[in-house]
Protein backbone atom coordinates (compact mmCIF):
# COMPACT_ATOMS: atom_id res chain seq x y z
CA UNK A 1 163.42 77.63 100.18
CA UNK A 2 159.88 77.33 101.25
CA UNK A 3 157.38 78.81 98.82
CA UNK A 4 154.61 80.64 100.62
CA UNK A 5 151.28 80.13 98.94
CA UNK A 6 148.97 83.11 98.72
CA UNK A 7 145.32 83.11 99.72
CA UNK A 8 142.50 83.23 97.21
CA UNK A 9 142.70 86.43 95.16
CA UNK A 10 139.76 88.69 94.68
CA UNK A 11 138.14 89.02 91.26
CA UNK A 12 139.75 92.44 90.82
CA UNK A 13 143.21 91.03 91.50
CA UNK A 14 142.67 88.25 88.94
CA UNK A 15 141.68 90.79 86.33
CA UNK A 16 144.76 92.84 87.07
CA UNK A 17 146.98 89.78 86.85
CA UNK A 18 145.67 89.19 83.34
CA UNK A 19 146.56 92.74 82.47
CA UNK A 20 150.12 92.15 83.69
CA UNK A 21 150.71 89.93 80.71
CA UNK A 22 150.55 92.93 78.41
CA UNK A 23 153.97 93.74 77.01
CA UNK A 24 153.25 97.28 75.90
CA UNK A 25 155.42 99.51 78.09
CA UNK A 26 152.91 102.32 77.64
CA UNK A 27 149.78 100.44 78.67
CA UNK A 28 150.90 97.65 80.96
CA UNK A 29 148.79 97.39 84.12
CA UNK A 30 150.46 95.97 87.18
CA UNK A 31 148.73 95.84 90.55
CA UNK A 32 145.31 96.20 92.06
CA UNK A 33 144.24 98.28 95.02
CA UNK A 34 144.48 96.21 98.17
CA UNK A 35 143.88 96.72 101.85
CA UNK A 36 146.10 99.37 103.42
CA UNK A 37 146.20 97.47 106.70
CA UNK A 38 149.37 96.13 108.23
CA UNK A 39 150.88 93.48 105.97
CA UNK A 40 150.75 90.02 107.50
CA UNK A 41 151.73 87.86 104.57
CA UNK A 42 153.54 88.24 101.27
CA UNK A 43 154.02 86.17 98.19
CA UNK A 44 157.56 84.86 98.10
CA UNK A 45 158.46 82.92 94.99
CA UNK A 46 161.66 80.94 95.08
CA UNK A 47 162.97 77.89 93.34
CA UNK A 48 164.38 75.46 95.92
CA UNK A 49 165.86 73.36 93.12
CA UNK A 50 167.74 76.20 91.44
CA UNK A 51 171.46 75.67 91.14
CA UNK A 52 173.65 77.79 93.38
CA UNK A 53 177.01 79.05 92.15
CA UNK A 54 179.51 77.91 94.74
CA UNK A 55 182.01 80.45 93.43
CA UNK A 56 179.72 83.43 94.06
CA UNK A 57 182.34 85.20 96.09
CA UNK A 58 184.85 84.93 93.29
CA UNK A 59 182.85 87.34 91.17
CA UNK A 60 183.12 90.00 93.82
CA UNK A 61 185.85 92.53 93.40
CA UNK A 62 186.21 92.16 97.18
CA UNK A 63 187.96 88.84 96.57
CA UNK A 64 190.91 90.78 95.15
CA UNK A 65 191.51 92.78 98.32
CA UNK A 66 192.15 92.25 102.00
CA UNK A 67 188.53 91.39 102.97
CA UNK A 68 186.62 93.96 104.95
CA UNK A 69 184.44 91.75 107.11
CA UNK A 70 181.23 92.70 108.82
CA UNK A 71 183.08 92.29 112.11
CA UNK A 72 185.54 95.03 111.08
CA UNK A 73 182.69 97.51 110.73
CA UNK A 74 179.70 95.91 112.35
CA UNK A 75 177.04 98.11 110.76
CA UNK A 76 178.69 98.56 107.36
CA UNK A 77 176.27 98.65 104.45
CA UNK A 78 177.84 96.20 101.99
CA UNK A 79 176.47 98.16 99.04
CA UNK A 80 178.01 101.50 100.02
CA UNK A 81 180.84 100.67 102.42
CA UNK A 82 179.37 103.12 104.92
CA UNK A 83 178.33 102.35 108.54
CA UNK A 84 174.61 102.99 108.07
CA UNK A 85 172.86 99.68 108.77
CA UNK A 86 170.37 99.33 111.57
CA UNK A 87 171.25 96.69 114.11
CA UNK A 88 168.54 94.37 112.79
CA UNK A 89 169.89 94.61 109.23
CA UNK A 90 173.44 93.50 109.98
CA UNK A 91 174.12 90.31 108.04
CA UNK A 92 170.70 90.46 106.39
CA UNK A 93 169.68 90.48 102.75
CA UNK A 94 169.19 93.64 100.66
CA UNK A 95 166.10 94.46 98.61
CA UNK A 96 165.95 95.24 94.86
CA UNK A 97 162.87 97.04 93.50
CA UNK A 98 161.77 97.55 89.89
CA UNK A 99 160.91 101.19 89.17
CA UNK A 100 159.03 102.73 86.26
CA UNK A 101 161.17 105.30 84.43
CA UNK A 102 158.89 106.57 81.66
CA UNK A 103 158.79 110.38 81.43
CA UNK A 104 155.04 110.31 82.13
CA UNK A 105 155.70 108.45 85.41
CA UNK A 106 158.06 111.06 86.86
CA UNK A 107 158.80 111.94 89.52
CA UNK A 108 159.20 108.59 91.19
CA UNK A 109 159.47 108.47 94.94
CA UNK A 110 161.48 106.39 97.39
CA UNK A 111 164.41 106.17 94.98
CA UNK A 112 166.67 108.80 96.54
CA UNK A 113 167.17 106.37 99.45
CA UNK A 114 168.53 103.60 97.21
CA UNK A 115 172.18 102.61 97.65
CA UNK A 116 172.61 101.38 94.06
CA UNK A 117 170.52 102.23 91.03
CA UNK A 118 170.74 100.15 87.87
CA UNK A 119 169.40 101.54 84.59
CA UNK A 120 168.91 99.29 81.55
CA UNK A 121 166.85 99.61 78.37
CA UNK A 122 163.65 97.68 77.74
CA UNK A 123 161.20 97.91 74.85
CA UNK A 124 161.60 100.92 72.54
CA UNK A 125 164.80 101.78 74.46
CA UNK A 126 162.85 103.22 77.34
CA UNK A 127 164.63 102.34 80.55
CA UNK A 128 163.63 100.87 83.85
CA UNK A 129 165.47 101.33 87.10
CA UNK A 130 166.28 98.72 89.68
CA UNK A 131 166.79 100.41 93.03
CA UNK A 132 168.77 98.34 95.53
CA UNK A 133 168.63 99.01 99.28
CA UNK A 134 171.12 97.51 101.71
CA UNK A 135 168.95 97.78 104.83
CA UNK A 136 165.66 95.88 104.64
CA UNK A 137 164.39 97.71 107.73
CA UNK A 138 164.66 101.13 106.06
CA UNK A 139 162.84 100.54 102.77
CA UNK A 140 160.68 103.57 101.90
CA UNK A 141 157.39 103.49 100.07
CA UNK A 142 158.34 103.34 96.40
CA UNK A 143 156.37 104.44 93.33
CA UNK A 144 155.84 103.61 90.60
CA UNK A 145 156.55 99.89 90.41
CA UNK A 146 156.79 98.02 87.12
CA UNK A 147 157.28 94.51 85.80
CA UNK A 148 160.25 92.20 85.48
CA UNK A 149 162.52 91.71 82.48
CA UNK A 150 164.88 88.74 82.63
CA UNK A 151 168.18 90.56 83.24
CA UNK A 152 167.06 92.39 86.38
CA UNK A 153 166.58 89.32 88.63
CA UNK A 154 169.99 88.03 87.49
CA UNK A 155 171.51 91.29 88.73
CA UNK A 156 169.45 91.13 91.93
CA UNK A 157 170.40 87.55 92.79
CA UNK A 158 174.05 88.57 92.55
CA UNK A 159 173.44 90.53 95.77
CA UNK A 160 171.30 87.75 97.32
CA UNK A 161 168.52 90.34 97.31
CA UNK A 162 164.76 90.05 97.61
CA UNK A 163 163.39 91.09 94.21
CA UNK A 164 160.26 93.28 94.15
CA UNK A 165 158.29 93.82 90.94
CA UNK A 166 154.72 94.02 89.67
CA UNK A 167 154.07 91.57 86.87
CA UNK A 168 156.51 89.80 84.58
CA UNK A 169 157.34 89.20 80.95
CA UNK A 170 155.78 85.70 80.71
CA UNK A 171 158.46 84.34 78.38
CA UNK A 172 162.17 84.36 79.19
CA UNK A 173 161.78 86.49 82.35
CA UNK A 174 159.44 83.92 83.90
CA UNK A 175 161.79 81.14 82.89
CA UNK A 176 164.72 83.01 84.42
CA UNK A 177 162.98 83.57 87.76
CA UNK A 178 161.94 79.91 87.85
CA UNK A 179 165.50 78.67 87.42
CA UNK A 180 167.12 81.07 89.90
CA UNK A 181 167.37 80.60 93.65
CA UNK A 182 165.67 83.93 94.29
CA UNK A 183 162.87 85.31 96.43
CA UNK A 184 160.45 87.45 94.45
CA UNK A 185 157.67 89.65 95.78
CA UNK A 186 155.24 90.25 92.93
CA UNK A 187 152.65 93.00 93.14
CA UNK A 188 150.42 91.09 90.76
CA UNK A 189 149.83 88.55 93.56
CA UNK A 190 150.77 90.06 96.91
CA UNK A 191 148.10 91.30 99.32
CA UNK A 192 147.90 92.68 102.86
CA UNK A 193 148.91 96.26 102.24
CA UNK A 194 152.26 95.94 100.47
CA UNK A 195 150.97 97.07 97.06
CA UNK A 196 148.27 99.49 95.99
CA UNK A 197 147.52 102.40 93.72
CA UNK A 198 148.59 105.89 94.76
CA UNK A 199 145.25 107.67 94.81
CA UNK A 200 146.87 111.10 94.85
CA UNK A 201 148.57 110.25 91.57
CA UNK A 202 145.30 109.07 90.07
CA UNK A 203 143.65 112.30 91.19
CA UNK A 204 146.48 114.26 89.60
CA UNK A 205 145.86 112.66 86.22
CA UNK A 206 148.60 110.01 86.06
CA UNK A 207 147.75 107.03 83.85
CA UNK A 208 146.91 103.99 85.94
CA UNK A 209 150.09 102.10 84.97
CA UNK A 210 152.16 104.89 86.56
CA UNK A 211 150.52 104.70 90.00
CA UNK A 212 151.56 101.34 91.48
CA UNK A 213 153.10 101.86 94.92
CA UNK A 214 155.02 99.37 97.06
CA UNK A 215 154.66 99.95 100.79
CA UNK A 216 158.28 99.30 101.63
CA UNK A 217 157.79 100.62 105.13
CA UNK A 218 155.80 97.46 105.87
CA UNK A 219 158.28 95.04 104.34
CA UNK A 220 160.42 94.31 107.41
CA UNK A 221 157.44 93.22 109.50
CA UNK A 222 156.11 91.07 106.65
CA UNK A 223 159.45 89.34 106.08
CA UNK A 224 160.01 88.72 109.77
CA UNK A 225 156.57 87.13 110.18
CA UNK A 226 156.95 84.81 107.21
CA UNK A 227 159.03 81.68 106.81
CA UNK A 228 161.65 83.23 104.54
CA UNK A 229 165.42 83.42 104.81
CA UNK A 230 166.66 86.81 106.01
CA UNK A 231 170.33 85.99 106.56
CA UNK A 232 172.78 86.66 103.75
CA UNK A 233 174.45 83.65 102.22
CA UNK A 234 177.93 83.22 103.65
CA UNK A 235 179.62 84.13 100.36
CA UNK A 236 177.73 87.43 100.23
CA UNK A 237 178.95 88.73 103.59
CA UNK A 238 181.66 90.81 101.96
CA UNK A 239 181.35 94.22 100.28
CA UNK A 240 179.76 94.28 96.85
CA UNK A 241 182.64 96.40 95.50
CA UNK A 242 186.33 96.93 96.19
CA UNK A 243 185.89 100.06 98.27
CA UNK A 244 188.65 102.53 99.05
CA UNK A 245 190.03 102.27 102.55
CA UNK A 246 188.22 104.38 105.11
CA UNK A 247 189.42 107.98 105.02
CA UNK A 248 190.95 107.70 101.55
CA UNK A 249 189.57 109.00 98.26
CA UNK A 250 189.75 107.50 94.80
CA UNK A 251 190.28 109.85 91.85
CA UNK A 252 190.05 107.88 88.58
CA UNK A 253 193.25 107.84 86.54
CA UNK A 254 191.80 109.42 83.44
CA UNK A 255 190.34 112.54 81.92
CA UNK A 256 188.22 115.30 83.37
CA UNK A 257 184.51 114.50 83.43
CA UNK A 258 182.53 117.31 85.00
CA UNK A 259 179.66 116.55 82.64
CA UNK A 260 178.66 113.08 81.48
CA UNK A 261 175.97 112.16 78.96
CA UNK A 262 174.53 108.65 78.51
CA UNK A 263 172.04 108.16 75.68
CA UNK A 264 169.68 105.19 75.88
CA UNK A 265 167.22 106.85 73.52
CA UNK A 266 166.99 110.46 72.43
CA UNK A 267 163.43 110.85 73.68
CA UNK A 268 162.75 108.37 76.45
CA UNK A 269 165.98 108.32 78.39
CA UNK A 270 168.79 110.79 77.82
CA UNK A 271 170.79 110.84 81.05
CA UNK A 272 173.21 113.51 82.24
CA UNK A 273 175.43 113.76 85.29
CA UNK A 274 176.88 117.04 86.49
CA UNK A 275 179.73 117.03 88.97
CA UNK A 276 178.89 118.99 92.10
CA UNK A 277 182.09 120.56 93.42
CA UNK A 278 180.53 121.30 96.83
CA UNK A 279 179.37 117.75 97.55
CA UNK A 280 181.97 115.87 95.51
CA UNK A 281 179.21 113.83 93.89
CA UNK A 282 177.40 113.59 90.55
CA UNK A 283 173.87 114.99 90.28
CA UNK A 284 171.62 113.06 87.88
CA UNK A 285 169.44 114.63 85.19
CA UNK A 286 166.77 112.95 83.09
CA UNK A 287 165.97 114.36 79.65
CA UNK A 288 167.45 117.71 80.64
CA UNK A 289 165.67 118.00 83.99
CA UNK A 290 166.95 117.22 87.49
CA UNK A 291 166.02 113.64 88.36
CA UNK A 292 164.09 114.19 91.56
CA UNK A 293 162.48 112.10 94.26
CA UNK A 294 158.87 113.29 94.45
CA UNK A 295 158.55 112.77 98.22
CA UNK A 296 161.96 113.63 99.66
CA UNK A 297 162.46 116.47 97.17
CA UNK A 298 166.07 115.32 96.69
CA UNK A 299 167.86 115.10 93.37
CA UNK A 300 169.47 111.72 92.73
CA UNK A 301 173.17 111.98 93.44
CA UNK A 302 176.00 109.45 93.41
CA UNK A 303 179.59 109.11 94.53
CA UNK A 304 180.21 106.61 91.73
CA UNK A 305 178.93 106.51 88.14
CA UNK A 306 179.64 103.31 86.20
CA UNK A 307 178.70 102.89 82.53
CA UNK A 308 179.01 99.40 81.07
CA UNK A 309 179.05 98.99 77.30
CA UNK A 310 177.48 95.74 76.15
CA UNK A 311 175.69 93.89 73.35
CA UNK A 312 171.99 94.72 73.16
CA UNK A 313 169.60 93.38 70.55
CA UNK A 314 165.86 93.07 69.93
CA UNK A 315 164.72 89.60 70.91
CA UNK A 316 161.15 89.33 69.60
CA UNK A 317 158.29 91.11 67.84
CA UNK A 318 157.30 92.76 71.12
CA UNK A 319 160.58 94.65 71.14
CA UNK A 320 161.92 92.87 74.21
CA UNK A 321 165.68 92.94 74.54
CA UNK A 322 168.57 90.55 74.83
CA UNK A 323 171.25 92.20 76.99
CA UNK A 324 174.64 90.73 77.79
CA UNK A 325 175.01 91.33 81.52
CA UNK A 326 177.94 88.93 81.93
CA UNK A 327 180.61 90.80 79.98
CA UNK A 328 184.15 89.40 80.19
CA UNK A 329 186.43 88.92 77.16
CA UNK A 330 187.49 92.56 77.22
CA UNK A 331 184.04 94.05 77.87
CA UNK A 332 184.61 97.75 78.39
CA UNK A 333 183.06 100.63 80.24
CA UNK A 334 183.79 103.74 82.28
CA UNK A 335 184.15 104.63 85.93
CA UNK A 336 183.61 108.25 87.00
CA UNK A 337 184.05 109.81 90.43
CA UNK A 338 185.38 113.07 91.86
CA UNK A 339 185.12 114.78 88.47
CA UNK A 340 187.40 112.34 86.62
CA UNK A 341 186.72 109.30 84.43
CA UNK A 342 188.67 106.25 83.33
CA UNK A 343 188.10 103.28 81.06
CA UNK A 344 187.51 99.93 82.74
CA UNK A 345 186.79 96.29 81.97
CA UNK A 346 183.98 94.35 83.57
CA UNK A 347 182.38 90.96 83.98
CA UNK A 348 179.74 89.09 85.93
CA UNK A 349 181.17 85.57 85.93
CA UNK A 350 177.89 83.85 86.83
CA UNK A 351 174.32 84.45 87.88
CA UNK A 352 175.18 84.53 91.58
CA UNK A 353 178.37 86.58 91.28
CA UNK A 354 178.88 90.25 91.98
CA UNK A 355 179.90 92.46 89.10
CA UNK A 356 183.68 92.70 88.94
CA UNK A 357 185.69 95.64 87.59
CA UNK A 358 189.32 96.11 86.59
CA UNK A 359 191.31 98.98 85.13
CA UNK A 360 192.73 98.75 81.61
CA UNK A 361 195.81 96.96 82.95
CA UNK A 362 193.72 94.25 84.61
CA UNK A 363 194.16 95.53 88.16
CA UNK A 364 191.11 95.36 90.49
CA UNK A 365 189.23 98.66 90.41
CA UNK A 366 188.80 100.50 93.68
CA UNK A 367 185.78 102.78 93.98
CA UNK A 368 184.74 105.36 96.52
CA UNK A 369 182.43 104.55 99.40
CA UNK A 370 178.91 105.83 98.85
CA UNK A 371 176.06 105.44 96.39
CA UNK A 372 176.62 103.98 92.94
CA UNK A 373 174.79 104.32 89.62
CA UNK A 374 175.31 101.52 87.08
CA UNK A 375 174.13 101.70 83.47
CA UNK A 376 174.16 98.94 80.86
CA UNK A 377 174.00 100.54 77.43
CA UNK A 378 174.96 100.20 73.79
CA UNK A 379 178.62 100.89 72.91
CA UNK A 380 179.64 104.46 72.09
CA UNK A 381 176.73 106.09 73.91
CA UNK A 382 178.83 107.89 76.53
CA UNK A 383 180.35 111.35 76.12
CA UNK A 384 181.97 113.59 78.73
CA UNK A 385 183.94 116.79 79.19
């Protein structure tokens, strides 16, 4: 892919870039204030020499079913299985955005529109979210944006997504991005209105590191003006999950789970889901409070809740993590929907593969159409009743 080279940065932007190297999750600075004019150019980092996994489709649970092609439902969002794409977004790449999840940064905004939300621990077992949107023409403004850790771009590239972040862990995360065939949009470099500080947050007393906003509403124009690939790779033109057939409903073959608790850390990120009988979805809570979108006023809610147990360890003296996001070999987890929960197995066969899920008997796991929450966490951190 062609790498688009940015114009000369202002002195302020250079200073901010230096701050992005800080690994303290409490103090890390990410982006500078930039012009709020219409974006005309973005920084797109990609590695044209990165190896591509020719078997990318094999990691998709869709390979185990009668394929549901784009032609069968022309505007189907491949992340949700629902016919919600704009005409311009059909066959185009999704967008994955890194989101700050510290308690002092709440509420975020723009996240209630995400089709998939990933939650994984970083330093001190705080978590960061990666919000994935299937329609690049409908990206909202999102706040607050934070930096990259190595496992997030590996998850993003599995969807052939553009990966949006602000700064990067300069060690293994930088090495990972460099080796992947991935387009990144980094707020530490990008100009022309796509990144700034939310002045209303600053005025309200938020610390500076909790105020970085990505102007997602300008992304489509920026991408379309630049020399960057918009079309999905051929092997990614199938649904990301094995969705239930239209009009049918999946009820997991397991126990009742009207309330689910996932503990990443007792203080920073204690997550609850409560089953909403009226909507048939799970409402998300963060540290005992409804997890809200600060602009839409909507609580985060999901048709599918997936919790993946995996090996997590501290990698260095900064507290950065090693997380196994490939699974396999009996890796276990849980799938919850419609008030029931069942144990599952999971794997991500390669960098460019979708996550793949099976039931305990090894059969491909069907999930309901709609929004999905996916957590990677330590073993034995999930309880339900």
